[in-house]
């Protein structure tokens, strides 16, 4: 569950209760299990009593899944909206934070993603016109999906969220949105100039993830006794996770591994769903 963070709800408790009630109503004849942030599942009746254990627990399923294969590692899962950085120590998920708030404090949640991030939250200025500096507008003019489409990190089919202007996902349309970030247009800035701006913003987004990863890496290195493997996953694994991981540690004590090496690329794109399915299957077997 992650929808409880929506501003449709006043509190997480209200969101968790409403979402669970909707699921119970729609799937009245189906056994329901709710994932918690300890990496286990429980009944809806129990879940509503402790909403902060249920809210935004998707990362726990990812951590549990990978911990079945690695003793000491850090998972860097860059999705469309945010980045989860999950430490595993001695075969157990060792997150210092459990709620979104705590995870933001400890660097285990970085609210930057491959598609839906407002570019004005990544940079406040960008270089233009022979390295002159322009401040950006704080409007929702362009998203991270635009820069990654322009740079070829994703294709139009992978740009699956709604665009900032409600228009299409062609490179030309992405360039138009990016120009608007600094109150310009494609008649005022060339394609090459806009591409350089996209590269600059991408670099800054990688640094956002690196800053969180540094905090988690320090925590794991202080506790783990073996080499630390950084597992990259999610839509942004190749162009964000990998490049952030390269900035951490060195080749003698850190290994970078693509989650695709363990599973298919479809699993890498949806690790919380796969982890939750396997956790639930395990619980069903126990109940039998």
C-alpha atoms as a PDB file:
ATOM      1  CA  UNK A   1       0.000   0.000   0.000  1.00  0.00           C
ATOM      2  CA  UNK A   2       1.246   3.465  -0.905  1.00  0.00           C
ATOM      3  CA  UNK A   3      -1.938   5.369  -1.755  1.00  0.00           C
ATOM      4  CA  UNK A   4      -2.451   6.463   1.854  1.00  0.00           C
ATOM      5  CA  UNK A   5       0.008   9.308   1.232  1.00  0.00           C
ATOM      6  CA  UNK A   6      -2.413  10.859  -1.268  1.00  0.00           C
ATOM      7  CA  UNK A   7      -3.777  14.261  -0.317  1.00  0.00           C
ATOM      8  CA  UNK A   8      -7.214  12.729  -0.695  1.00  0.00           C
ATOM      9  CA  UNK A   9      -6.701  11.628   2.906  1.00  0.00           C
ATOM     10  CA  UNK A  10      -6.173  13.821   5.943  1.00  0.00           C
ATOM     11  CA  UNK A  11      -4.065  11.227   7.770  1.00  0.00           C
ATOM     12  CA  UNK A  12      -2.395   7.930   6.992  1.00  0.00           C
ATOM     13  CA  UNK A  13      -4.829   6.216   9.357  1.00  0.00           C
ATOM     14  CA  UNK A  14      -7.753   7.506   7.300  1.00  0.00           C
ATOM     15  CA  UNK A  15      -6.099   6.355   4.068  1.00  0.00           C
ATOM     16  CA  UNK A  16      -5.229   2.882   5.318  1.00  0.00           C
ATOM     17  CA  UNK A  17      -8.741   2.336   6.687  1.00  0.00           C
ATOM     18  CA  UNK A  18     -10.423   3.520   3.484  1.00  0.00           C
ATOM     19  CA  UNK A  19      -8.191   1.515   1.142  1.00  0.00           C
ATOM     20  CA  UNK A  20      -8.642  -1.676   3.145  1.00  0.00           C
ATOM     21  CA  UNK A  21     -12.415  -1.170   3.303  1.00  0.00           C
ATOM     22  CA  UNK A  22     -12.534  -0.745  -0.493  1.00  0.00           C
ATOM     23  CA  UNK A  23     -10.510  -3.920  -1.050  1.00  0.00           C
ATOM     24  CA  UNK A  24     -12.766  -5.870   1.327  1.00  0.00           C
ATOM     25  CA  UNK A  25     -15.865  -4.621  -0.484  1.00  0.00           C
ATOM     26  CA  UNK A  26     -14.579  -5.408  -3.979  1.00  0.00           C
ATOM     27  CA  UNK A  27     -12.963  -8.763  -3.112  1.00  0.00           C
ATOM     28  CA  UNK A  28     -15.595  -9.934  -0.653  1.00  0.00           C
ATOM     29  CA  UNK A  29     -15.084 -13.630  -1.422  1.00  0.00           C
ATOM     30  CA  UNK A  30     -11.287 -13.612  -1.600  1.00  0.00           C
ATOM     31  CA  UNK A  31      -8.865 -14.043   1.343  1.00  0.00           C
ATOM     32  CA  UNK A  32      -7.096 -10.723   1.904  1.00  0.00           C
ATOM     33  CA  UNK A  33      -3.604 -10.197   3.297  1.00  0.00           C
ATOM     34  CA  UNK A  34      -2.059  -6.825   4.049  1.00  0.00           C
ATOM     35  CA  UNK A  35       1.696  -6.266   3.893  1.00  0.00           C
ATOM     36  CA  UNK A  36       3.317  -4.540   6.864  1.00  0.00           C
ATOM     37  CA  UNK A  37       6.691  -2.826   7.165  1.00  0.00           C
ATOM     38  CA  UNK A  38       8.191  -5.834   8.950  1.00  0.00           C
ATOM     39  CA  UNK A  39       7.980  -7.840   5.744  1.00  0.00           C
ATOM     40  CA  UNK A  40       5.061 -10.033   6.772  1.00  0.00           C
ATOM     41  CA  UNK A  41       1.331 -10.048   6.072  1.00  0.00           C
ATOM     42  CA  UNK A  42      -1.652  -9.858   8.354  1.00  0.00           C
ATOM     43  CA  UNK A  43      -5.436  -9.726   8.250  1.00  0.00           C
ATOM     44  CA  UNK A  44      -7.277  -6.531   7.333  1.00  0.00           C
ATOM     45  CA  UNK A  45      -8.842  -6.475  10.777  1.00  0.00           C
ATOM     46  CA  UNK A  46      -5.436  -6.386  12.441  1.00  0.00           C
ATOM     47  CA  UNK A  47      -3.917  -4.042   9.873  1.00  0.00           C
ATOM     48  CA  UNK A  48      -6.360  -1.189  10.458  1.00  0.00           C
ATOM     49  CA  UNK A  49      -5.378  -1.118  14.133  1.00  0.00           C
ATOM     50  CA  UNK A  50      -1.781  -0.115  13.333  1.00  0.00           C
ATOM     51  CA  UNK A  51      -1.838   2.039  10.187  1.00  0.00           C
ATOM     52  CA  UNK A  52       1.746   3.286  10.481  1.00  0.00           C
ATOM     53  CA  UNK A  53       2.940  -0.321  10.139  1.00  0.00           C
ATOM     54  CA  UNK A  54       0.933  -0.681   6.925  1.00  0.00           C
ATOM     55  CA  UNK A  55       1.478   2.681   5.237  1.00  0.00           C
ATOM     56  CA  UNK A  56       4.029   2.656   2.390  1.00  0.00           C
ATOM     57  CA  UNK A  57       5.303  -0.808   3.274  1.00  0.00           C
ATOM     58  CA  UNK A  58       6.148  -1.758  -0.316  1.00  0.00           C
ATOM     59  CA  UNK A  59       9.893  -1.386   0.302  1.00  0.00           C
ATOM     60  CA  UNK A  60       9.765  -4.110   2.975  1.00  0.00           C
ATOM     61  CA  UNK A  61       8.693  -6.688   0.388  1.00  0.00           C
ATOM     62  CA  UNK A  62      11.608  -5.731  -1.856  1.00  0.00           C
ATOM     63  CA  UNK A  63      14.012  -5.989   1.056  1.00  0.00           C
ATOM     64  CA  UNK A  64      12.635  -9.381   2.111  1.00  0.00           C
ATOM     65  CA  UNK A  65      12.904 -10.752  -1.429  1.00  0.00           C
ATOM     66  CA  UNK A  66      16.545  -9.763  -1.867  1.00  0.00           C
ATOM     67  CA  UNK A  67      17.485 -10.818   1.672  1.00  0.00           C
ATOM     68  CA  UNK A  68      16.677 -14.411   0.711  1.00  0.00           C
ATOM     69  CA  UNK A  69      19.755 -14.302  -1.559  1.00  0.00           C
ATOM     70  CA  UNK A  70      22.221 -11.841   0.013  1.00  0.00           C
ATOM     71  CA  UNK A  71      23.628 -11.587   3.534  1.00  0.00           C
ATOM     72  CA  UNK A  72      24.882  -8.017   3.302  1.00  0.00           C
ATOM     73  CA  UNK A  73      23.716  -5.652   0.614  1.00  0.00           C
ATOM     74  CA  UNK A  74      22.003  -2.391  -0.199  1.00  0.00           C
ATOM     75  CA  UNK A  75      19.104  -2.348  -2.649  1.00  0.00           C
ATOM     76  CA  UNK A  76      18.697   0.811  -4.697  1.00  0.00           C
ATOM     77  CA  UNK A  77      15.269   0.596  -6.308  1.00  0.00           C
ATOM     78  CA  UNK A  78      14.476   3.606  -8.504  1.00  0.00           C
ATOM     79  CA  UNK A  79      10.832   3.572  -9.485  1.00  0.00           C
ATOM     80  CA  UNK A  80       8.756   6.090 -11.377  1.00  0.00           C
ATOM     81  CA  UNK A  81       8.194   8.324  -8.350  1.00  0.00           C
ATOM     82  CA  UNK A  82      10.754   7.646  -5.646  1.00  0.00           C
ATOM     83  CA  UNK A  83      13.893   5.724  -4.741  1.00  0.00           C
ATOM     84  CA  UNK A  84      14.010   3.128  -1.976  1.00  0.00           C
ATOM     85  CA  UNK A  85      17.438   2.423  -0.488  1.00  0.00           C
ATOM     86  CA  UNK A  86      17.143  -0.713   1.617  1.00  0.00           C
ATOM     87  CA  UNK A  87      19.967  -2.135   3.760  1.00  0.00           C
ATOM     88  CA  UNK A  88      20.244  -5.879   4.413  1.00  0.00           C
ATOM     89  CA  UNK A  89      22.638  -6.936   7.190  1.00  0.00           C
ATOM     90  CA  UNK A  90      23.317 -10.543   8.154  1.00  0.00           C
ATOM     91  CA  UNK A  91      20.453 -11.728   5.986  1.00  0.00           C
ATOM     92  CA  UNK A  92      17.861  -9.429   7.572  1.00  0.00           C
ATOM     93  CA  UNK A  93      16.318  -6.186   6.394  1.00  0.00           C
ATOM     94  CA  UNK A  94      18.029  -3.590   8.579  1.00  0.00           C
ATOM     95  CA  UNK A  95      16.227  -0.371   7.733  1.00  0.00           C
ATOM     96  CA  UNK A  96      16.620   2.299  10.401  1.00  0.00           C
ATOM     97  CA  UNK A  97      13.381   3.930   9.342  1.00  0.00           C
ATOM     98  CA  UNK A  98       9.976   2.286   9.098  1.00  0.00           C
ATOM     99  CA  UNK A  99       7.718   5.192   8.170  1.00  0.00           C
ATOM    100  CA  UNK A 100       8.266   7.415   5.142  1.00  0.00           C
ATOM    101  CA  UNK A 101       9.217  10.267   7.468  1.00  0.00           C
ATOM    102  CA  UNK A 102      11.921   8.259   9.227  1.00  0.00           C
ATOM    103  CA  UNK A 103      13.202   6.834   5.977  1.00  0.00           C
ATOM    104  CA  UNK A 104      13.591  10.331   4.557  1.00  0.00           C
ATOM    105  CA  UNK A 105      15.642  11.240   7.636  1.00  0.00           C
ATOM    106  CA  UNK A 106      17.938   8.210   7.321  1.00  0.00           C
ATOM    107  CA  UNK A 107      18.413   8.485   3.556  1.00  0.00           C
ATOM    108  CA  UNK A 108      16.485   5.262   2.918  1.00  0.00           C
ATOM    109  CA  UNK A 109      13.852   7.102   0.900  1.00  0.00           C
ATOM    110  CA  UNK A 110      14.788   9.671  -1.716  1.00  0.00           C
ATOM    111  CA  UNK A 111      11.780  11.299  -3.302  1.00  0.00           C
ATOM    112  CA  UNK A 112      13.101  11.346  -6.826  1.00  0.00           C
ATOM    113  CA  UNK A 113      12.148   8.936  -9.603  1.00  0.00           C
ATOM    114  CA  UNK A 114      12.455   8.049 -13.252  1.00  0.00           C
ATOM    115  CA  UNK A 115       9.190   9.558 -14.505  1.00  0.00           C
ATOM    116  CA  UNK A 116       7.022  11.625 -12.177  1.00  0.00           C
ATOM    117  CA  UNK A 117       9.443  13.966 -10.399  1.00  0.00           C
ATOM    118  CA  UNK A 118       8.924  17.684 -10.905  1.00  0.00           C
ATOM    119  CA  UNK A 119      12.221  18.968 -12.313  1.00  0.00           C
ATOM    120  CA  UNK A 120      11.971  22.035 -10.088  1.00  0.00           C
ATOM    121  CA  UNK A 121      12.561  19.735  -7.093  1.00  0.00           C
ATOM    122  CA  UNK A 122      15.826  18.468  -8.577  1.00  0.00           C
ATOM    123  CA  UNK A 123      17.439  21.783  -9.538  1.00  0.00           C
ATOM    124  CA  UNK A 124      16.954  25.421  -8.720  1.00  0.00           C
ATOM    125  CA  UNK A 125      19.196  26.680 -11.526  1.00  0.00           C
ATOM    126  CA  UNK A 126      20.450  25.346 -14.855  1.00  0.00           C
ATOM    127  CA  UNK A 127      23.276  26.437 -17.171  1.00  0.00           C
ATOM    128  CA  UNK A 128      22.219  28.083 -20.453  1.00  0.00           C
ATOM    129  CA  UNK A 129      23.805  30.111 -23.230  1.00  0.00           C
ATOM    130  CA  UNK A 130      27.539  29.571 -22.695  1.00  0.00           C
ATOM    131  CA  UNK A 131      27.137  28.627 -19.029  1.00  0.00           C
ATOM    132  CA  UNK A 132      25.041  31.561 -17.949  1.00  0.00           C
ATOM    133  CA  UNK A 133      22.860  30.518 -15.022  1.00  0.00           C
ATOM    134  CA  UNK A 134      19.070  30.645 -15.174  1.00  0.00           C
ATOM    135  CA  UNK A 135      16.845  29.981 -12.189  1.00  0.00           C
ATOM    136  CA  UNK A 136      13.994  27.580 -12.881  1.00  0.00           C
ATOM    137  CA  UNK A 137      10.302  28.247 -12.478  1.00  0.00           C
ATOM    138  CA  UNK A 138       8.594  26.436  -9.627  1.00  0.00           C
ATOM    139  CA  UNK A 139       5.602  25.464 -11.779  1.00  0.00           C
ATOM    140  CA  UNK A 140       4.893  21.878 -12.775  1.00  0.00           C
ATOM    141  CA  UNK A 141       6.150  22.390 -16.316  1.00  0.00           C
ATOM    142  CA  UNK A 142       8.303  19.291 -16.853  1.00  0.00           C
ATOM    143  CA  UNK A 143       8.980  15.924 -15.259  1.00  0.00           C
ATOM    144  CA  UNK A 144      11.971  13.628 -14.882  1.00  0.00           C
ATOM    145  CA  UNK A 145      10.427  11.464 -17.601  1.00  0.00           C
ATOM    146  CA  UNK A 146      11.068  14.320 -20.025  1.00  0.00           C
ATOM    147  CA  UNK A 147      14.816  14.518 -19.424  1.00  0.00           C
ATOM    148  CA  UNK A 148      15.221  10.742 -19.537  1.00  0.00           C
ATOM    149  CA  UNK A 149      13.246  10.562 -22.775  1.00  0.00           C
ATOM    150  CA  UNK A 150      15.390  13.327 -24.291  1.00  0.00           C
ATOM    151  CA  UNK A 151      18.584  11.528 -23.205  1.00  0.00           C
ATOM    152  CA  UNK A 152      17.398   8.154 -24.510  1.00  0.00           C
ATOM    153  CA  UNK A 153      17.273   6.588 -21.049  1.00  0.00           C
ATOM    154  CA  UNK A 154      13.649   5.613 -21.643  1.00  0.00           C
ATOM    155  CA  UNK A 155      11.474   5.369 -24.731  1.00  0.00           C
ATOM    156  CA  UNK A 156       8.003   6.760 -25.322  1.00  0.00           C
ATOM    157  CA  UNK A 157       6.348   3.481 -24.318  1.00  0.00           C
ATOM    158  CA  UNK A 158       8.141   3.535 -20.968  1.00  0.00           C
ATOM    159  CA  UNK A 159       6.881   7.052 -20.252  1.00  0.00           C
ATOM    160  CA  UNK A 160       3.758   5.640 -18.639  1.00  0.00           C
ATOM    161  CA  UNK A 161       2.641   8.491 -16.381  1.00  0.00           C
ATOM    162  CA  UNK A 162       0.664  11.556 -17.368  1.00  0.00           C
ATOM    163  CA  UNK A 163       2.854  14.358 -18.706  1.00  0.00           C
ATOM    164  CA  UNK A 164       2.957  17.780 -17.083  1.00  0.00           C
ATOM    165  CA  UNK A 165       0.989  19.421 -19.902  1.00  0.00           C
ATOM    166  CA  UNK A 166      -1.247  16.444 -20.680  1.00  0.00           C
ATOM    167  CA  UNK A 167       0.284  16.069 -24.130  1.00  0.00           C
ATOM    168  CA  UNK A 168       2.277  13.255 -25.734  1.00  0.00           C
ATOM    169  CA  UNK A 169       5.545  11.485 -25.026  1.00  0.00           C
ATOM    170  CA  UNK A 170       7.522  12.239 -28.172  1.00  0.00           C
ATOM    171  CA  UNK A 171      11.008  13.708 -27.882  1.00  0.00           C
ATOM    172  CA  UNK A 172       9.789  16.928 -29.474  1.00  0.00           C
ATOM    173  CA  UNK A 173       7.047  17.314 -26.867  1.00  0.00           C
ATOM    174  CA  UNK A 174       9.518  16.567 -24.063  1.00  0.00           C
ATOM    175  CA  UNK A 175      11.862  19.270 -25.360  1.00  0.00           C
ATOM    176  CA  UNK A 176       8.967  21.732 -25.376  1.00  0.00           C
ATOM    177  CA  UNK A 177       8.180  20.973 -21.734  1.00  0.00           C
ATOM    178  CA  UNK A 178      11.833  21.209 -20.686  1.00  0.00           C
ATOM    179  CA  UNK A 179      12.205  24.633 -22.313  1.00  0.00           C
ATOM    180  CA  UNK A 180       9.195  25.837 -20.363  1.00  0.00           C
ATOM    181  CA  UNK A 181      11.044  24.998 -17.114  1.00  0.00           C
ATOM    182  CA  UNK A 182      13.064  28.192 -17.614  1.00  0.00           C
ATOM    183  CA  UNK A 183      10.158  30.108 -19.154  1.00  0.00           C
ATOM    184  CA  UNK A 184      11.473  29.604 -22.682  1.00  0.00           C
ATOM    185  CA  UNK A 185      10.430  27.631 -25.746  1.00  0.00           C
ATOM    186  CA  UNK A 186      11.981  25.667 -28.592  1.00  0.00           C
ATOM    187  CA  UNK A 187      12.322  28.810 -30.719  1.00  0.00           C
ATOM    188  CA  UNK A 188      14.470  30.420 -28.017  1.00  0.00           C
ATOM    189  CA  UNK A 189      16.653  27.387 -27.238  1.00  0.00           C
ATOM    190  CA  UNK A 190      18.169  24.880 -29.645  1.00  0.00           C
ATOM    191  CA  UNK A 191      17.776  21.119 -29.321  1.00  0.00           C
ATOM    192  CA  UNK A 192      21.445  20.836 -28.350  1.00  0.00           C
ATOM    193  CA  UNK A 193      21.069  23.484 -25.642  1.00  0.00           C
ATOM    194  CA  UNK A 194      18.049  21.680 -24.225  1.00  0.00           C
ATOM    195  CA  UNK A 195      19.876  18.353 -24.338  1.00  0.00           C
ATOM    196  CA  UNK A 196      22.725  19.853 -22.312  1.00  0.00           C
ATOM    197  CA  UNK A 197      20.206  21.092 -19.744  1.00  0.00           C
ATOM    198  CA  UNK A 198      18.726  17.584 -19.569  1.00  0.00           C
ATOM    199  CA  UNK A 199      22.200  16.135 -18.951  1.00  0.00           C
ATOM    200  CA  UNK A 200      22.813  18.647 -16.169  1.00  0.00           C
ATOM    201  CA  UNK A 201      19.521  17.819 -14.423  1.00  0.00           C
ATOM    202  CA  UNK A 202      20.172  14.083 -14.764  1.00  0.00           C
ATOM    203  CA  UNK A 203      23.547  14.544 -13.078  1.00  0.00           C
ATOM    204  CA  UNK A 204      21.879  16.401 -10.201  1.00  0.00           C
ATOM    205  CA  UNK A 205      19.256  13.683  -9.834  1.00  0.00           C
ATOM    206  CA  UNK A 206      21.981  11.060  -9.566  1.00  0.00           C
ATOM    207  CA  UNK A 207      23.549  13.157  -6.819  1.00  0.00           C
ATOM    208  CA  UNK A 208      20.244  13.181  -4.914  1.00  0.00           C
ATOM    209  CA  UNK A 209      20.275   9.386  -4.876  1.00  0.00           C
ATOM    210  CA  UNK A 210      23.983   9.282  -4.054  1.00  0.00           C
ATOM    211  CA  UNK A 211      23.443  11.475  -0.989  1.00  0.00           C
ATOM    212  CA  UNK A 212      20.926   9.003   0.423  1.00  0.00           C
ATOM    213  CA  UNK A 213      23.046   6.024  -0.525  1.00  0.00           C
ATOM    214  CA  UNK A 214      26.059   7.445   1.300  1.00  0.00           C
ATOM    215  CA  UNK A 215      24.106   7.497   4.570  1.00  0.00           C
ATOM    216  CA  UNK A 216      22.895   3.923   4.180  1.00  0.00           C
ATOM    217  CA  UNK A 217      26.269   2.664   2.972  1.00  0.00           C
ATOM    218  CA  UNK A 218      27.968   4.067   6.071  1.00  0.00           C
ATOM    219  CA  UNK A 219      25.418   2.310   8.296  1.00  0.00           C
ATOM    220  CA  UNK A 220      25.932  -1.040   6.540  1.00  0.00           C
ATOM    221  CA  UNK A 221      29.734  -0.818   6.459  1.00  0.00           C
ATOM    222  CA  UNK A 222      29.824  -0.147  10.204  1.00  0.00           C
ATOM    223  CA  UNK A 223      27.867  -3.356  10.826  1.00  0.00           C
ATOM    224  CA  UNK A 224      28.536  -5.789   7.989  1.00  0.00           C
ATOM    225  CA  UNK A 225      31.680  -7.911   8.104  1.00  0.00           C
ATOM    226  CA  UNK A 226      31.866  -8.860   4.429  1.00  0.00           C
ATOM    227  CA  UNK A 227      31.871  -7.040   1.145  1.00  0.00           C
ATOM    228  CA  UNK A 228      28.743  -4.999   0.491  1.00  0.00           C
ATOM    229  CA  UNK A 229      26.822  -5.698  -2.697  1.00  0.00           C
ATOM    230  CA  UNK A 230      24.747  -2.856  -4.093  1.00  0.00           C
ATOM    231  CA  UNK A 231      21.715  -4.301  -5.885  1.00  0.00           C
ATOM    232  CA  UNK A 232      20.205  -2.024  -8.530  1.00  0.00           C
ATOM    233  CA  UNK A 233      16.554  -2.393  -9.469  1.00  0.00           C
ATOM    234  CA  UNK A 234      13.597  -0.538 -10.925  1.00  0.00           C
ATOM    235  CA  UNK A 235      12.971   1.416 -14.091  1.00  0.00           C
ATOM    236  CA  UNK A 236      15.884   3.732 -13.349  1.00  0.00           C
ATOM    237  CA  UNK A 237      18.422   1.060 -12.450  1.00  0.00           C
ATOM    238  CA  UNK A 238      20.691   1.499 -15.469  1.00  0.00           C
ATOM    239  CA  UNK A 239      20.778   5.294 -15.724  1.00  0.00           C
ATOM    240  CA  UNK A 240      20.243   6.348 -12.087  1.00  0.00           C
ATOM    241  CA  UNK A 241      20.887   3.501  -9.595  1.00  0.00           C
ATOM    242  CA  UNK A 242      24.031   2.234 -11.323  1.00  0.00           C
ATOM    243  CA  UNK A 243      25.581   5.665 -11.683  1.00  0.00           C
ATOM    244  CA  UNK A 244      24.848   6.525  -8.055  1.00  0.00           C
ATOM    245  CA  UNK A 245      26.308   3.199  -6.905  1.00  0.00           C
ATOM    246  CA  UNK A 246      29.497   3.894  -8.870  1.00  0.00           C
ATOM    247  CA  UNK A 247      30.081   6.921  -6.649  1.00  0.00           C
ATOM    248  CA  UNK A 248      30.045   4.792  -3.485  1.00  0.00           C
ATOM    249  CA  UNK A 249      32.918   2.767  -2.070  1.00  0.00           C
ATOM    250  CA  UNK A 250      35.511   1.191  -4.314  1.00  0.00           C
ATOM    251  CA  UNK A 251      36.017  -2.018  -6.280  1.00  0.00           C
ATOM    252  CA  UNK A 252      37.750  -3.817  -3.404  1.00  0.00           C
ATOM    253  CA  UNK A 253      34.876  -3.710  -0.927  1.00  0.00           C
ATOM    254  CA  UNK A 254      31.801  -3.006  -3.046  1.00  0.00           C
ATOM    255  CA  UNK A 255      30.128  -5.030  -5.794  1.00  0.00           C
ATOM    256  CA  UNK A 256      27.354  -3.669  -8.005  1.00  0.00           C
ATOM    257  CA  UNK A 257      24.819  -6.232  -9.231  1.00  0.00           C
ATOM    258  CA  UNK A 258      21.791  -5.848 -11.475  1.00  0.00           C
ATOM    259  CA  UNK A 259      18.716  -7.564 -10.023  1.00  0.00           C
ATOM    260  CA  UNK A 260      18.093  -8.921 -13.520  1.00  0.00           C
ATOM    261  CA  UNK A 261      20.971 -11.324 -12.845  1.00  0.00           C
ATOM    262  CA  UNK A 262      18.778 -13.060 -10.284  1.00  0.00           C
ATOM    263  CA  UNK A 263      15.370 -12.608 -11.863  1.00  0.00           C
ATOM    264  CA  UNK A 264      13.826 -11.446 -15.104  1.00  0.00           C
ATOM    265  CA  UNK A 265      13.618  -7.772 -16.017  1.00  0.00           C
ATOM    266  CA  UNK A 266       9.885  -7.894 -15.256  1.00  0.00           C
ATOM    267  CA  UNK A 267      10.662  -8.818 -11.650  1.00  0.00           C
ATOM    268  CA  UNK A 268      13.167  -5.981 -11.374  1.00  0.00           C
ATOM    269  CA  UNK A 269      10.476  -3.514 -12.427  1.00  0.00           C
ATOM    270  CA  UNK A 270       8.004  -4.760  -9.819  1.00  0.00           C
ATOM    271  CA  UNK A 271       9.981  -6.132  -6.885  1.00  0.00           C
ATOM    272  CA  UNK A 272       7.465  -5.011  -4.211  1.00  0.00           C
ATOM    273  CA  UNK A 273       4.669  -6.906  -5.976  1.00  0.00           C
ATOM    274  CA  UNK A 274       6.767 -10.046  -6.430  1.00  0.00           C
ATOM    275  CA  UNK A 275       8.027  -9.921  -2.853  1.00  0.00           C
ATOM    276  CA  UNK A 276       4.508  -9.465  -1.493  1.00  0.00           C
ATOM    277  CA  UNK A 277       3.231 -12.388  -3.558  1.00  0.00           C
ATOM    278  CA  UNK A 278       5.930 -14.694  -2.207  1.00  0.00           C
ATOM    279  CA  UNK A 279       5.489 -13.509   1.390  1.00  0.00           C
ATOM    280  CA  UNK A 280       1.758 -14.170   1.067  1.00  0.00           C
ATOM    281  CA  UNK A 281       2.312 -17.586  -0.489  1.00  0.00           C
ATOM    282  CA  UNK A 282       4.540 -18.475   2.457  1.00  0.00           C
ATOM    283  CA  UNK A 283       1.841 -17.386   4.913  1.00  0.00           C
ATOM    284  CA  UNK A 284      -0.839 -19.373   3.089  1.00  0.00           C
ATOM    285  CA  UNK A 285       1.352 -22.487   3.308  1.00  0.00           C
ATOM    286  CA  UNK A 286       1.785 -21.960   7.042  1.00  0.00           C
ATOM    287  CA  UNK A 287      -1.970 -21.629   7.517  1.00  0.00           C
ATOM    288  CA  UNK A 288      -2.561 -24.883   5.637  1.00  0.00           C
END
